């Protein structure tokens, strides 16, 4: 889950979005989004799919099982 949290932060930074805007895009509160980014909470499978679709990555990339693009890695 630690890699997922890092990837959410990196992907959001790559898109230059506030936490609030990213949360709104996947229909969750900014506080819940913050918990996912900090690794304090694990998202449900449907929410993982929404994150992957929104950030235009695969689930494997989101979970850290496959590398993110170079631009997203620079956001870490």
Protein backbone atom coordinates (compact mmCIF):
# COMPACT_ATOMS: atom_id res chain seq x y z
CA UNK A 1 0.00 0.00 0.00
CA UNK A 2 2.98 2.28 0.51
CA UNK A 3 3.77 2.25 -3.22
CA UNK A 4 0.15 2.99 -4.07
CA UNK A 5 0.24 6.04 -1.79
CA UNK A 6 3.47 7.28 -3.39
CA UNK A 7 2.06 6.75 -6.87
CA UNK A 8 -1.15 8.65 -6.10
CA UNK A 9 0.94 11.58 -4.89
CA UNK A 10 3.26 11.42 -7.92
CA UNK A 11 0.41 11.19 -10.41
CA UNK A 12 -1.44 14.09 -8.82
CA UNK A 13 1.74 16.16 -8.87
CA UNK A 14 2.28 15.31 -12.54
CA UNK A 15 -1.20 16.64 -13.36
CA UNK A 16 -0.55 19.67 -11.12
CA UNK A 17 -3.81 19.11 -9.27
CA UNK A 18 -4.79 20.02 -5.75
CA UNK A 19 -5.87 17.18 -3.53
CA UNK A 20 -9.38 18.64 -3.62
CA UNK A 21 -9.59 18.57 -7.42
CA UNK A 22 -8.26 15.02 -7.63
CA UNK A 23 -10.74 13.88 -4.98
CA UNK A 24 -13.63 15.57 -6.77
CA UNK A 25 -12.67 13.84 -10.03
CA UNK A 26 -13.18 10.42 -8.43
CA UNK A 27 -16.16 11.48 -6.29
CA UNK A 28 -14.61 11.19 -2.83
CA UNK A 29 -13.86 13.72 -0.10
CA UNK A 30 -10.49 15.41 -0.04
CA UNK A 31 -9.93 13.95 3.45
CA UNK A 32 -10.40 10.42 2.14
CA UNK A 33 -8.09 11.17 -0.77
CA UNK A 34 -5.51 12.42 1.71
CA UNK A 35 -5.79 9.16 3.66
CA UNK A 36 -5.12 7.16 0.50
CA UNK A 37 -2.11 9.34 -0.38
CA UNK A 38 -0.69 8.92 3.10
CA UNK A 39 -1.27 5.17 3.09
CA UNK A 40 -3.63 5.40 6.05
CA UNK A 41 -6.46 3.74 4.19
CA UNK A 42 -6.78 1.22 1.36
CA UNK A 43 -9.15 2.07 -1.50
CA UNK A 44 -11.79 -0.38 -2.69
CA UNK A 45 -11.32 -2.19 -6.00
CA UNK A 46 -13.85 0.03 -7.81
CA UNK A 47 -12.08 3.14 -6.53
CA UNK A 48 -8.72 1.78 -7.69
CA UNK A 49 -10.22 1.46 -11.17
CA UNK A 50 -11.45 5.06 -10.98
CA UNK A 51 -7.99 6.25 -9.92
CA UNK A 52 -6.34 4.32 -12.76
CA UNK A 53 -8.81 5.67 -15.32
CA UNK A 54 -8.49 9.23 -14.08
CA UNK A 55 -4.68 9.17 -14.08
CA UNK A 56 -4.57 7.17 -17.34
CA UNK A 57 -2.44 4.36 -15.92
CA UNK A 58 -2.93 0.63 -15.52
CA UNK A 59 -3.86 -0.92 -12.19
CA UNK A 60 -0.42 -2.54 -12.12
CA UNK A 61 1.22 0.87 -12.54
CA UNK A 62 -0.98 2.39 -9.86
CA UNK A 63 -0.15 -0.41 -7.41
CA UNK A 64 3.57 -0.27 -8.16
CA UNK A 65 3.75 -3.61 -9.97
CA UNK A 66 4.77 -1.86 -13.20
CA UNK A 67 6.71 1.38 -13.60
CA UNK A 68 4.97 4.71 -14.02
CA UNK A 69 5.94 6.98 -16.89
CA UNK A 70 9.09 9.07 -16.39
CA UNK A 71 7.03 12.22 -15.88
CA UNK A 72 5.05 10.65 -13.04
CA UNK A 73 8.19 9.27 -11.41
CA UNK A 74 9.63 12.78 -11.28
CA UNK A 75 6.63 13.83 -9.18
CA UNK A 76 7.72 11.57 -6.30
